[in-house]
N, C-alpha and C. Protein backbone atom coordinates (compact mmCIF):
# COMPACT_ATOMS: atom_id res chain seq x y z
N MET A 1 -16.44 31.81 22.12
CA MET A 1 -16.04 33.18 22.42
C MET A 1 -15.63 33.33 23.89
N ILE A 2 -16.49 32.84 24.82
CA ILE A 2 -16.19 32.94 26.24
C ILE A 2 -16.28 31.55 26.86
N GLU A 3 -15.24 31.17 27.61
CA GLU A 3 -15.25 29.92 28.35
C GLU A 3 -15.00 30.21 29.83
N ILE A 4 -15.88 29.72 30.68
CA ILE A 4 -15.75 29.87 32.12
C ILE A 4 -15.50 28.49 32.70
N LYS A 5 -14.37 28.33 33.38
CA LYS A 5 -13.99 27.01 33.90
C LYS A 5 -13.76 27.06 35.41
N ASN A 6 -14.61 26.35 36.14
CA ASN A 6 -14.47 26.15 37.59
C ASN A 6 -14.22 27.46 38.33
N LEU A 7 -15.02 28.47 38.02
CA LEU A 7 -14.81 29.81 38.57
C LEU A 7 -15.33 29.89 40.01
N LYS A 8 -14.45 30.35 40.91
CA LYS A 8 -14.80 30.48 42.32
C LYS A 8 -14.48 31.89 42.82
N LYS A 9 -15.37 32.42 43.65
CA LYS A 9 -15.15 33.74 44.24
C LYS A 9 -15.66 33.74 45.67
N THR A 10 -14.78 34.15 46.59
CA THR A 10 -15.10 34.19 48.01
C THR A 10 -14.79 35.58 48.55
N PHE A 11 -15.66 36.08 49.43
CA PHE A 11 -15.43 37.36 50.10
C PHE A 11 -15.22 37.11 51.59
N SER A 12 -14.37 37.93 52.19
CA SER A 12 -14.15 37.84 53.63
C SER A 12 -15.19 38.67 54.37
N THR A 13 -15.79 38.10 55.40
CA THR A 13 -16.74 38.81 56.24
C THR A 13 -16.34 38.63 57.70
N ARG A 14 -16.99 39.38 58.59
CA ARG A 14 -16.68 39.24 60.01
C ARG A 14 -17.04 37.86 60.53
N GLN A 15 -17.99 37.21 59.85
CA GLN A 15 -18.39 35.86 60.25
C GLN A 15 -17.53 34.78 59.59
N GLY A 16 -16.59 35.20 58.74
CA GLY A 16 -15.74 34.24 58.05
C GLY A 16 -15.91 34.33 56.55
N PRO A 17 -15.26 33.44 55.79
CA PRO A 17 -15.34 33.48 54.33
C PRO A 17 -16.76 33.22 53.84
N LEU A 18 -17.18 34.00 52.82
CA LEU A 18 -18.49 33.82 52.20
C LEU A 18 -18.27 33.46 50.74
N GLU A 19 -18.58 32.22 50.40
CA GLU A 19 -18.37 31.73 49.03
C GLU A 19 -19.55 32.13 48.16
N ILE A 20 -19.31 33.00 47.20
CA ILE A 20 -20.38 33.49 46.33
C ILE A 20 -20.52 32.61 45.09
N LEU A 21 -19.42 32.30 44.44
CA LEU A 21 -19.43 31.43 43.26
C LEU A 21 -18.65 30.17 43.60
N LYS A 22 -19.27 29.02 43.36
CA LYS A 22 -18.74 27.75 43.86
C LYS A 22 -18.26 26.82 42.75
N GLY A 23 -17.48 27.36 41.84
CA GLY A 23 -16.93 26.52 40.78
C GLY A 23 -17.89 26.37 39.62
N ILE A 24 -18.22 27.47 38.96
CA ILE A 24 -19.20 27.43 37.88
C ILE A 24 -18.50 27.25 36.53
N ASN A 25 -19.24 26.64 35.61
CA ASN A 25 -18.73 26.35 34.27
C ASN A 25 -19.81 26.66 33.23
N PHE A 26 -19.43 27.37 32.18
CA PHE A 26 -20.33 27.54 31.04
C PHE A 26 -19.54 28.12 29.87
N GLU A 27 -20.13 28.06 28.69
CA GLU A 27 -19.54 28.62 27.48
C GLU A 27 -20.56 29.51 26.79
N ILE A 28 -20.08 30.52 26.11
CA ILE A 28 -20.94 31.40 25.31
C ILE A 28 -20.36 31.46 23.90
N LYS A 29 -21.19 31.19 22.94
CA LYS A 29 -20.74 31.21 21.56
C LYS A 29 -20.68 32.63 21.02
N LYS A 30 -19.89 32.82 20.00
CA LYS A 30 -19.79 34.12 19.35
C LYS A 30 -21.16 34.52 18.80
N GLY A 31 -21.58 35.75 19.09
CA GLY A 31 -22.84 36.25 18.60
C GLY A 31 -24.04 35.94 19.48
N GLU A 32 -23.84 35.18 20.55
CA GLU A 32 -24.95 34.88 21.45
C GLU A 32 -25.24 36.05 22.39
N ILE A 33 -26.51 36.19 22.75
CA ILE A 33 -26.93 37.13 23.79
C ILE A 33 -27.42 36.29 24.96
N ILE A 34 -26.74 36.39 26.08
CA ILE A 34 -27.00 35.56 27.24
C ILE A 34 -27.54 36.40 28.40
N ALA A 35 -28.58 35.91 29.05
CA ALA A 35 -29.09 36.55 30.27
C ALA A 35 -28.58 35.78 31.48
N ILE A 36 -28.09 36.50 32.47
CA ILE A 36 -27.73 35.89 33.75
C ILE A 36 -28.74 36.38 34.77
N THR A 37 -29.49 35.44 35.35
CA THR A 37 -30.55 35.78 36.27
C THR A 37 -30.33 35.10 37.62
N GLY A 38 -31.16 35.45 38.58
CA GLY A 38 -31.07 34.87 39.92
C GLY A 38 -31.57 35.85 40.95
N PHE A 39 -31.84 35.35 42.14
CA PHE A 39 -32.32 36.22 43.22
C PHE A 39 -31.24 37.21 43.63
N SER A 40 -31.64 38.29 44.30
CA SER A 40 -30.68 39.25 44.85
C SER A 40 -29.71 38.51 45.77
N GLY A 41 -28.42 38.82 45.61
CA GLY A 41 -27.41 38.17 46.43
C GLY A 41 -26.92 36.85 45.88
N SER A 42 -27.42 36.47 44.69
CA SER A 42 -27.02 35.17 44.12
C SER A 42 -25.65 35.22 43.45
N GLY A 43 -25.11 36.42 43.26
CA GLY A 43 -23.77 36.54 42.68
C GLY A 43 -23.75 37.03 41.25
N LYS A 44 -24.90 37.54 40.76
CA LYS A 44 -24.96 37.99 39.36
C LYS A 44 -23.95 39.10 39.07
N SER A 45 -23.97 40.13 39.90
CA SER A 45 -23.07 41.27 39.67
C SER A 45 -21.62 40.88 39.93
N THR A 46 -21.40 39.96 40.88
CA THR A 46 -20.05 39.45 41.12
C THR A 46 -19.51 38.77 39.88
N LEU A 47 -20.34 37.93 39.28
CA LEU A 47 -19.93 37.23 38.06
C LEU A 47 -19.65 38.22 36.93
N LEU A 48 -20.51 39.21 36.78
CA LEU A 48 -20.30 40.19 35.72
C LEU A 48 -19.00 40.96 35.94
N GLY A 49 -18.72 41.31 37.20
CA GLY A 49 -17.47 42.00 37.52
C GLY A 49 -16.26 41.18 37.16
N LEU A 50 -16.35 39.87 37.35
CA LEU A 50 -15.24 38.97 36.97
C LEU A 50 -15.12 38.90 35.45
N LEU A 51 -16.25 38.80 34.76
CA LEU A 51 -16.22 38.76 33.29
C LEU A 51 -15.64 40.05 32.71
N ALA A 52 -15.92 41.16 33.40
CA ALA A 52 -15.43 42.46 32.93
C ALA A 52 -13.98 42.70 33.31
N GLY A 53 -13.41 41.81 34.12
CA GLY A 53 -12.03 42.00 34.55
C GLY A 53 -11.87 43.06 35.62
N LEU A 54 -12.97 43.44 36.27
CA LEU A 54 -12.90 44.45 37.32
C LEU A 54 -12.48 43.83 38.65
N ASP A 55 -12.56 42.51 38.74
CA ASP A 55 -12.16 41.78 39.94
C ASP A 55 -11.56 40.45 39.48
N ARG A 56 -10.87 39.78 40.38
CA ARG A 56 -10.26 38.50 40.04
C ARG A 56 -10.82 37.41 40.95
N PRO A 57 -10.98 36.19 40.40
CA PRO A 57 -11.52 35.09 41.20
C PRO A 57 -10.43 34.47 42.08
N GLN A 58 -10.88 33.68 43.07
CA GLN A 58 -9.91 32.91 43.85
C GLN A 58 -9.26 31.83 42.99
N SER A 59 -10.06 31.23 42.11
CA SER A 59 -9.55 30.21 41.20
C SER A 59 -10.49 30.09 40.02
N GLY A 60 -10.02 29.38 39.01
CA GLY A 60 -10.81 29.21 37.80
C GLY A 60 -10.28 30.05 36.66
N GLU A 61 -10.89 29.87 35.50
CA GLU A 61 -10.42 30.55 34.29
C GLU A 61 -11.55 31.28 33.58
N ILE A 62 -11.21 32.44 33.02
CA ILE A 62 -12.11 33.19 32.15
C ILE A 62 -11.35 33.39 30.85
N LEU A 63 -11.82 32.75 29.79
CA LEU A 63 -11.13 32.82 28.51
C LEU A 63 -11.97 33.54 27.47
N TYR A 64 -11.36 34.51 26.81
CA TYR A 64 -11.97 35.20 25.68
C TYR A 64 -11.20 34.81 24.43
N ASP A 65 -11.85 34.06 23.55
CA ASP A 65 -11.16 33.58 22.34
C ASP A 65 -9.84 32.90 22.70
N GLY A 66 -9.85 32.15 23.79
CA GLY A 66 -8.67 31.41 24.21
C GLY A 66 -7.70 32.17 25.08
N LYS A 67 -7.87 33.49 25.22
CA LYS A 67 -6.98 34.29 26.06
C LYS A 67 -7.49 34.28 27.50
N ASN A 68 -6.64 33.82 28.42
CA ASN A 68 -7.02 33.70 29.83
C ASN A 68 -6.86 35.06 30.52
N LEU A 69 -7.98 35.67 30.86
CA LEU A 69 -7.98 37.00 31.46
C LEU A 69 -7.21 37.03 32.77
N ASN A 70 -7.28 35.93 33.53
CA ASN A 70 -6.67 35.91 34.87
C ASN A 70 -5.16 35.69 34.85
N GLN A 71 -4.62 35.36 33.70
CA GLN A 71 -3.17 35.18 33.59
C GLN A 71 -2.47 36.45 33.12
N LEU A 72 -3.26 37.49 32.82
CA LEU A 72 -2.68 38.75 32.38
C LEU A 72 -2.24 39.57 33.59
N SER A 73 -1.16 40.33 33.42
CA SER A 73 -0.76 41.27 34.46
C SER A 73 -1.82 42.37 34.53
N GLU A 74 -1.82 43.16 35.59
CA GLU A 74 -2.83 44.21 35.71
C GLU A 74 -2.78 45.20 34.54
N PRO A 75 -1.58 45.67 34.14
CA PRO A 75 -1.55 46.56 32.96
C PRO A 75 -2.08 45.89 31.70
N GLU A 76 -1.74 44.59 31.51
CA GLU A 76 -2.24 43.86 30.34
C GLU A 76 -3.76 43.69 30.41
N ALA A 77 -4.26 43.41 31.62
CA ALA A 77 -5.70 43.23 31.80
C ALA A 77 -6.45 44.53 31.53
N GLN A 78 -5.89 45.65 32.00
CA GLN A 78 -6.51 46.95 31.77
C GLN A 78 -6.58 47.25 30.27
N LYS A 79 -5.50 46.96 29.57
CA LYS A 79 -5.48 47.21 28.12
C LYS A 79 -6.49 46.31 27.41
N PHE A 80 -6.56 45.04 27.83
CA PHE A 80 -7.50 44.11 27.20
C PHE A 80 -8.93 44.57 27.43
N ARG A 81 -9.25 44.97 28.67
CA ARG A 81 -10.59 45.46 28.99
C ARG A 81 -10.95 46.66 28.13
N ALA A 82 -10.04 47.61 28.06
CA ALA A 82 -10.31 48.86 27.35
C ALA A 82 -10.55 48.64 25.86
N GLN A 83 -9.84 47.67 25.29
CA GLN A 83 -9.91 47.46 23.85
C GLN A 83 -10.99 46.47 23.42
N ASN A 84 -11.44 45.60 24.35
CA ASN A 84 -12.30 44.49 23.94
C ASN A 84 -13.64 44.37 24.66
N LEU A 85 -13.77 45.00 25.82
CA LEU A 85 -14.97 44.83 26.62
C LEU A 85 -15.63 46.18 26.88
N SER A 86 -16.94 46.24 26.68
CA SER A 86 -17.70 47.43 27.04
C SER A 86 -18.74 47.03 28.07
N LEU A 87 -18.91 47.89 29.08
CA LEU A 87 -19.85 47.61 30.17
C LEU A 87 -20.87 48.73 30.28
N ILE A 88 -22.14 48.36 30.22
CA ILE A 88 -23.24 49.31 30.35
C ILE A 88 -23.91 49.08 31.70
N PHE A 89 -24.02 50.12 32.50
CA PHE A 89 -24.54 50.00 33.85
C PHE A 89 -26.01 50.39 33.92
N GLN A 90 -26.64 50.05 35.04
CA GLN A 90 -28.03 50.45 35.29
C GLN A 90 -28.14 51.97 35.26
N ASN A 91 -27.20 52.64 35.92
CA ASN A 91 -27.11 54.09 35.84
C ASN A 91 -26.04 54.41 34.81
N HIS A 92 -26.38 55.20 33.83
CA HIS A 92 -25.57 55.37 32.63
C HIS A 92 -24.15 55.87 32.87
N TYR A 93 -23.92 56.59 33.97
CA TYR A 93 -22.60 57.13 34.30
C TYR A 93 -22.00 57.97 33.17
N LEU A 94 -22.82 58.82 32.58
CA LEU A 94 -22.30 59.78 31.62
C LEU A 94 -21.55 60.87 32.38
N ILE A 95 -20.54 61.45 31.73
CA ILE A 95 -19.79 62.56 32.34
C ILE A 95 -20.64 63.82 32.19
N PRO A 96 -21.05 64.43 33.32
CA PRO A 96 -22.05 65.51 33.24
C PRO A 96 -21.62 66.75 32.48
N HIS A 97 -20.30 67.05 32.46
CA HIS A 97 -19.87 68.26 31.77
C HIS A 97 -19.50 68.02 30.31
N LEU A 98 -19.75 66.79 29.82
CA LEU A 98 -19.50 66.48 28.41
C LEU A 98 -20.83 66.32 27.68
N THR A 99 -20.88 66.73 26.42
CA THR A 99 -22.08 66.55 25.62
C THR A 99 -22.26 65.06 25.28
N ALA A 100 -23.42 64.73 24.72
CA ALA A 100 -23.66 63.35 24.29
C ALA A 100 -22.56 62.88 23.34
N LEU A 101 -22.22 63.72 22.38
CA LEU A 101 -21.18 63.38 21.40
C LEU A 101 -19.83 63.17 22.09
N GLU A 102 -19.47 64.04 23.02
CA GLU A 102 -18.19 63.94 23.72
C GLU A 102 -18.15 62.71 24.61
N ASN A 103 -19.28 62.36 25.21
CA ASN A 103 -19.33 61.15 26.03
C ASN A 103 -19.08 59.90 25.18
N VAL A 104 -19.62 59.88 23.97
CA VAL A 104 -19.47 58.71 23.11
C VAL A 104 -18.03 58.53 22.64
N VAL A 105 -17.36 59.62 22.29
CA VAL A 105 -15.99 59.50 21.78
C VAL A 105 -14.96 59.33 22.90
N LEU A 106 -15.38 59.51 24.15
CA LEU A 106 -14.44 59.47 25.27
C LEU A 106 -13.61 58.18 25.33
N PRO A 107 -14.19 56.98 25.15
CA PRO A 107 -13.36 55.77 25.19
C PRO A 107 -12.23 55.76 24.16
N LEU A 108 -12.50 56.30 22.98
CA LEU A 108 -11.46 56.36 21.95
C LEU A 108 -10.35 57.34 22.35
N GLN A 109 -10.74 58.44 22.98
CA GLN A 109 -9.75 59.41 23.44
C GLN A 109 -8.88 58.81 24.54
N ILE A 110 -9.50 58.07 25.46
CA ILE A 110 -8.75 57.43 26.55
C ILE A 110 -7.76 56.43 26.00
N LEU A 111 -8.17 55.70 24.95
CA LEU A 111 -7.28 54.70 24.35
C LEU A 111 -6.24 55.33 23.43
N GLY A 112 -6.40 56.61 23.14
CA GLY A 112 -5.47 57.29 22.24
C GLY A 112 -5.61 56.85 20.80
N LEU A 113 -6.83 56.42 20.43
CA LEU A 113 -7.07 55.94 19.07
C LEU A 113 -7.52 57.08 18.17
N PRO A 114 -7.10 57.07 16.93
CA PRO A 114 -7.57 58.11 16.00
C PRO A 114 -9.05 57.90 15.71
N PHE A 115 -9.77 58.97 15.57
CA PHE A 115 -11.19 58.84 15.29
C PHE A 115 -11.69 60.10 14.60
N GLU A 116 -12.85 59.95 13.98
CA GLU A 116 -13.57 61.09 13.43
C GLU A 116 -14.89 61.20 14.17
N SER A 117 -15.29 62.42 14.48
CA SER A 117 -16.53 62.59 15.23
C SER A 117 -17.72 62.01 14.49
N GLN A 118 -17.57 61.81 13.18
CA GLN A 118 -18.66 61.23 12.39
C GLN A 118 -19.03 59.84 12.88
N GLN A 119 -18.02 59.09 13.41
CA GLN A 119 -18.30 57.76 13.95
C GLN A 119 -19.33 57.85 15.07
N ALA A 120 -19.08 58.77 15.99
CA ALA A 120 -19.99 58.95 17.13
C ALA A 120 -21.32 59.51 16.68
N GLU A 121 -21.30 60.42 15.73
CA GLU A 121 -22.55 61.00 15.22
C GLU A 121 -23.42 59.91 14.60
N ASN A 122 -22.78 59.00 13.86
CA ASN A 122 -23.53 57.91 13.23
C ASN A 122 -24.18 57.02 14.28
N LEU A 123 -23.43 56.70 15.34
CA LEU A 123 -23.97 55.85 16.40
C LEU A 123 -25.13 56.53 17.12
N LEU A 124 -24.96 57.82 17.41
CA LEU A 124 -26.03 58.54 18.09
C LEU A 124 -27.27 58.65 17.20
N THR A 125 -27.05 58.75 15.90
CA THR A 125 -28.19 58.75 14.98
C THR A 125 -28.88 57.39 14.99
N GLN A 126 -28.09 56.32 15.05
CA GLN A 126 -28.65 54.97 15.10
C GLN A 126 -29.53 54.77 16.34
N VAL A 127 -29.15 55.39 17.46
CA VAL A 127 -29.94 55.22 18.69
C VAL A 127 -31.01 56.31 18.81
N GLY A 128 -31.22 57.06 17.72
CA GLY A 128 -32.31 58.02 17.69
C GLY A 128 -32.00 59.36 18.33
N LEU A 129 -30.72 59.69 18.44
CA LEU A 129 -30.34 60.94 19.09
C LEU A 129 -29.50 61.83 18.18
N GLY A 130 -29.73 61.72 16.88
CA GLY A 130 -28.97 62.53 15.94
C GLY A 130 -29.20 64.02 16.11
N ASP A 131 -30.33 64.38 16.74
CA ASP A 131 -30.61 65.79 16.97
C ASP A 131 -30.24 66.24 18.38
N ARG A 132 -29.56 65.36 19.15
CA ARG A 132 -29.21 65.71 20.53
C ARG A 132 -27.70 65.62 20.77
N LEU A 133 -26.93 65.73 19.70
CA LEU A 133 -25.48 65.54 19.79
C LEU A 133 -24.82 66.45 20.82
N ASN A 134 -25.26 67.68 20.89
CA ASN A 134 -24.60 68.67 21.73
C ASN A 134 -25.34 68.95 23.03
N HIS A 135 -26.24 68.05 23.39
CA HIS A 135 -26.96 68.19 24.66
C HIS A 135 -26.16 67.52 25.78
N TYR A 136 -26.23 68.10 26.96
CA TYR A 136 -25.56 67.55 28.13
C TYR A 136 -26.48 66.54 28.82
N PRO A 137 -25.93 65.62 29.62
CA PRO A 137 -26.76 64.62 30.30
C PRO A 137 -27.94 65.21 31.06
N SER A 138 -27.74 66.39 31.66
CA SER A 138 -28.83 67.02 32.42
C SER A 138 -29.98 67.45 31.52
N GLU A 139 -29.73 67.51 30.21
CA GLU A 139 -30.75 67.92 29.25
C GLU A 139 -31.41 66.73 28.56
N LEU A 140 -31.03 65.51 29.01
CA LEU A 140 -31.55 64.29 28.41
C LEU A 140 -32.40 63.54 29.42
N SER A 141 -33.38 62.79 28.93
CA SER A 141 -34.18 61.94 29.80
C SER A 141 -33.37 60.70 30.18
N GLY A 142 -33.90 59.89 31.11
CA GLY A 142 -33.21 58.68 31.51
C GLY A 142 -33.01 57.72 30.35
N GLY A 143 -34.06 57.56 29.53
CA GLY A 143 -33.96 56.67 28.38
C GLY A 143 -32.96 57.18 27.35
N GLU A 144 -32.94 58.48 27.13
CA GLU A 144 -31.99 59.07 26.18
C GLU A 144 -30.56 58.90 26.69
N SER A 145 -30.36 59.10 27.99
CA SER A 145 -29.03 58.94 28.57
C SER A 145 -28.54 57.50 28.42
N GLN A 146 -29.46 56.54 28.63
CA GLN A 146 -29.06 55.14 28.49
C GLN A 146 -28.73 54.82 27.04
N ARG A 147 -29.40 55.47 26.10
CA ARG A 147 -29.08 55.26 24.68
C ARG A 147 -27.71 55.84 24.34
N VAL A 148 -27.35 56.95 24.97
CA VAL A 148 -25.99 57.49 24.80
C VAL A 148 -24.98 56.49 25.34
N ALA A 149 -25.29 55.87 26.49
CA ALA A 149 -24.39 54.88 27.09
C ALA A 149 -24.22 53.67 26.17
N ILE A 150 -25.28 53.27 25.49
CA ILE A 150 -25.18 52.16 24.54
C ILE A 150 -24.28 52.55 23.38
N ALA A 151 -24.46 53.76 22.85
CA ALA A 151 -23.61 54.23 21.75
C ALA A 151 -22.15 54.28 22.20
N ARG A 152 -21.91 54.74 23.43
CA ARG A 152 -20.55 54.79 23.97
C ARG A 152 -19.96 53.39 24.08
N GLY A 153 -20.80 52.42 24.47
CA GLY A 153 -20.33 51.04 24.57
C GLY A 153 -19.96 50.43 23.23
N LEU A 154 -20.60 50.89 22.18
CA LEU A 154 -20.36 50.32 20.85
C LEU A 154 -19.20 50.98 20.11
N ILE A 155 -18.77 52.16 20.54
CA ILE A 155 -17.83 52.95 19.75
C ILE A 155 -16.48 52.25 19.56
N ILE A 156 -16.07 51.41 20.51
CA ILE A 156 -14.76 50.73 20.37
C ILE A 156 -14.89 49.43 19.58
N LYS A 157 -16.12 49.10 19.15
CA LYS A 157 -16.39 47.83 18.46
C LYS A 157 -15.89 46.67 19.31
N PRO A 158 -16.50 46.48 20.49
CA PRO A 158 -15.96 45.53 21.46
C PRO A 158 -16.14 44.08 21.04
N LEU A 159 -15.31 43.24 21.65
CA LEU A 159 -15.43 41.79 21.48
C LEU A 159 -16.73 41.33 22.15
N VAL A 160 -16.97 41.88 23.35
CA VAL A 160 -18.15 41.49 24.14
C VAL A 160 -18.76 42.74 24.77
N LEU A 161 -20.10 42.82 24.73
CA LEU A 161 -20.82 43.91 25.36
C LEU A 161 -21.51 43.36 26.61
N LEU A 162 -21.15 43.90 27.77
CA LEU A 162 -21.69 43.46 29.05
C LEU A 162 -22.66 44.51 29.56
N ALA A 163 -23.76 44.08 30.17
CA ALA A 163 -24.76 45.02 30.67
C ALA A 163 -25.26 44.57 32.03
N ASP A 164 -25.27 45.50 32.99
CA ASP A 164 -25.71 45.21 34.35
C ASP A 164 -27.04 45.92 34.61
N GLU A 165 -28.14 45.17 34.61
CA GLU A 165 -29.49 45.72 34.83
C GLU A 165 -29.71 46.98 33.98
N PRO A 166 -29.54 46.89 32.66
CA PRO A 166 -29.56 48.09 31.81
C PRO A 166 -30.88 48.85 31.79
N THR A 167 -31.98 48.20 32.21
CA THR A 167 -33.27 48.91 32.23
C THR A 167 -33.77 49.12 33.66
N GLY A 168 -32.91 48.83 34.65
CA GLY A 168 -33.34 48.86 36.04
C GLY A 168 -33.83 50.21 36.53
N SER A 169 -33.31 51.29 35.95
CA SER A 169 -33.70 52.63 36.41
C SER A 169 -34.74 53.28 35.51
N LEU A 170 -35.27 52.50 34.54
CA LEU A 170 -36.22 53.06 33.58
C LEU A 170 -37.62 52.52 33.81
N ASP A 171 -38.63 53.30 33.43
CA ASP A 171 -39.99 52.78 33.50
C ASP A 171 -40.17 51.70 32.43
N THR A 172 -41.22 50.91 32.55
CA THR A 172 -41.40 49.73 31.71
C THR A 172 -41.41 50.07 30.22
N GLU A 173 -42.16 51.09 29.83
CA GLU A 173 -42.26 51.45 28.42
C GLU A 173 -40.92 51.90 27.85
N THR A 174 -40.23 52.78 28.60
CA THR A 174 -38.93 53.27 28.14
C THR A 174 -37.92 52.13 28.12
N GLY A 175 -37.96 51.29 29.15
CA GLY A 175 -37.04 50.15 29.22
C GLY A 175 -37.21 49.21 28.04
N ASN A 176 -38.46 48.95 27.66
CA ASN A 176 -38.71 48.07 26.51
C ASN A 176 -38.16 48.67 25.22
N LYS A 177 -38.32 49.98 25.05
CA LYS A 177 -37.80 50.63 23.84
C LYS A 177 -36.27 50.58 23.80
N VAL A 178 -35.66 50.84 24.96
CA VAL A 178 -34.20 50.82 25.03
C VAL A 178 -33.65 49.43 24.73
N MET A 179 -34.30 48.39 25.29
CA MET A 179 -33.79 47.04 25.08
C MET A 179 -34.04 46.55 23.66
N LYS A 180 -35.13 46.97 23.03
CA LYS A 180 -35.33 46.61 21.62
C LYS A 180 -34.19 47.19 20.79
N LEU A 181 -33.84 48.43 21.08
CA LEU A 181 -32.74 49.08 20.40
C LEU A 181 -31.43 48.33 20.67
N TYR A 182 -31.22 47.95 21.93
CA TYR A 182 -30.01 47.22 22.33
C TYR A 182 -29.87 45.93 21.53
N PHE A 183 -30.94 45.12 21.52
CA PHE A 183 -30.89 43.85 20.79
C PHE A 183 -30.66 44.07 19.31
N ASP A 184 -31.32 45.06 18.73
CA ASP A 184 -31.15 45.34 17.31
C ASP A 184 -29.69 45.67 16.98
N LEU A 185 -29.07 46.52 17.81
CA LEU A 185 -27.70 46.94 17.55
C LEU A 185 -26.70 45.81 17.79
N VAL A 186 -26.93 45.02 18.84
CA VAL A 186 -26.03 43.89 19.13
C VAL A 186 -26.05 42.90 17.97
N ARG A 187 -27.25 42.60 17.49
CA ARG A 187 -27.34 41.62 16.39
C ARG A 187 -26.85 42.21 15.07
N GLN A 188 -27.13 43.48 14.86
CA GLN A 188 -26.67 44.15 13.64
C GLN A 188 -25.15 44.17 13.57
N ASN A 189 -24.51 44.37 14.73
CA ASN A 189 -23.05 44.42 14.77
C ASN A 189 -22.41 43.07 15.06
N LYS A 190 -23.24 42.02 15.16
CA LYS A 190 -22.78 40.64 15.37
C LYS A 190 -21.90 40.53 16.62
N LEU A 191 -22.37 41.15 17.70
CA LEU A 191 -21.63 41.13 18.95
C LEU A 191 -22.09 39.99 19.85
N THR A 192 -21.23 39.63 20.77
CA THR A 192 -21.59 38.72 21.86
C THR A 192 -21.97 39.59 23.05
N SER A 193 -23.03 39.22 23.77
CA SER A 193 -23.47 40.07 24.87
C SER A 193 -23.91 39.24 26.07
N VAL A 194 -23.58 39.74 27.26
CA VAL A 194 -24.02 39.14 28.51
C VAL A 194 -24.78 40.20 29.29
N ILE A 195 -26.03 39.88 29.65
CA ILE A 195 -26.90 40.83 30.34
C ILE A 195 -27.28 40.27 31.70
N VAL A 196 -26.93 40.95 32.77
CA VAL A 196 -27.41 40.60 34.11
C VAL A 196 -28.74 41.30 34.33
N THR A 197 -29.76 40.53 34.70
CA THR A 197 -31.08 41.14 34.88
C THR A 197 -31.94 40.31 35.82
N HIS A 198 -32.85 40.99 36.52
CA HIS A 198 -33.87 40.29 37.30
C HIS A 198 -35.19 40.31 36.54
N ASN A 199 -35.18 40.95 35.36
CA ASN A 199 -36.37 41.10 34.53
C ASN A 199 -36.56 39.85 33.67
N GLN A 200 -37.53 39.02 34.02
CA GLN A 200 -37.72 37.76 33.33
C GLN A 200 -38.17 37.96 31.89
N GLU A 201 -38.94 39.03 31.63
CA GLU A 201 -39.36 39.32 30.27
C GLU A 201 -38.16 39.64 29.39
N LEU A 202 -37.22 40.42 29.94
CA LEU A 202 -36.00 40.73 29.21
C LEU A 202 -35.17 39.47 28.99
N ALA A 203 -35.06 38.64 30.01
CA ALA A 203 -34.28 37.40 29.89
C ALA A 203 -34.84 36.49 28.81
N SER A 204 -36.16 36.48 28.67
CA SER A 204 -36.78 35.60 27.67
C SER A 204 -36.47 36.01 26.24
N LEU A 205 -36.04 37.25 26.04
CA LEU A 205 -35.69 37.73 24.71
C LEU A 205 -34.27 37.32 24.30
N CYS A 206 -33.49 36.88 25.28
CA CYS A 206 -32.10 36.49 25.00
C CYS A 206 -32.06 35.09 24.39
N ASP A 207 -30.92 34.74 23.83
CA ASP A 207 -30.77 33.42 23.21
C ASP A 207 -30.79 32.31 24.26
N ARG A 208 -30.22 32.60 25.42
CA ARG A 208 -30.20 31.64 26.52
C ARG A 208 -30.25 32.37 27.84
N GLU A 209 -30.71 31.66 28.87
CA GLU A 209 -30.72 32.20 30.23
C GLU A 209 -29.90 31.29 31.13
N LEU A 210 -28.97 31.88 31.87
CA LEU A 210 -28.19 31.15 32.85
C LEU A 210 -28.61 31.64 34.23
N LYS A 211 -29.15 30.73 35.04
CA LYS A 211 -29.68 31.12 36.34
C LYS A 211 -28.71 30.75 37.44
N LEU A 212 -28.36 31.76 38.26
CA LEU A 212 -27.49 31.53 39.40
C LEU A 212 -28.32 31.19 40.62
N SER A 213 -27.89 30.15 41.33
CA SER A 213 -28.59 29.75 42.56
C SER A 213 -27.59 29.05 43.47
N GLN A 214 -27.44 29.59 44.69
CA GLN A 214 -26.54 29.02 45.69
C GLN A 214 -25.13 28.83 45.15
N GLY A 215 -24.66 29.82 44.40
CA GLY A 215 -23.29 29.80 43.91
C GLY A 215 -23.03 28.91 42.73
N MET A 216 -24.07 28.30 42.20
CA MET A 216 -23.92 27.44 41.04
C MET A 216 -24.79 27.97 39.91
N ILE A 217 -24.58 27.47 38.71
CA ILE A 217 -25.33 27.97 37.56
C ILE A 217 -25.94 26.80 36.80
N ALA A 218 -27.19 26.98 36.38
CA ALA A 218 -27.87 25.94 35.62
C ALA A 218 -28.65 26.62 34.50
N GLU A 219 -28.58 26.08 33.29
CA GLU A 219 -29.31 26.67 32.15
C GLU A 219 -30.79 26.32 32.28
């Protein structure tokens, strides 16, 4: 599903170039749930940004089902991201003036795809929010908001679901409930998922853990 070949990323600083990723290689099979771990500053979020197509590497390849993300023009890359990749952040980033239901259908509206609100209602019911369809983010708890974000991520039926510290802003009990739901839905929908986390307990629940250290990756 995903092939990473000799991926390198460098940032410019006042002290000179800072090499964050030093030619990393790995593969992820279809349906796998992978944890990317490492100390702060190890490049986890940088790698996720590259996988999401939000940034481009200095060199190397990112292939999704054989399609090289870095060879696409910016308009092509934007279209590919919108149609195939969903990203769930530590902070849910729900639109405050939209209801839970409206937040979930938003990606379909942006893509101009036909939809029925029943699709979003079904997803919100799956995440335990069937009775909160018309509530605004300010009327939801942190855990409920993150569940809305998960439903929003699933609405386009993505090729890959990416998550950046998805439980980082939640207390332990709520975080555990949210991640159990996440794993259940990912496996139920037979999705491939990459989770960046510093939570070792969460990483242990994934199919594999890839640890970043000094710009390199080792399983």
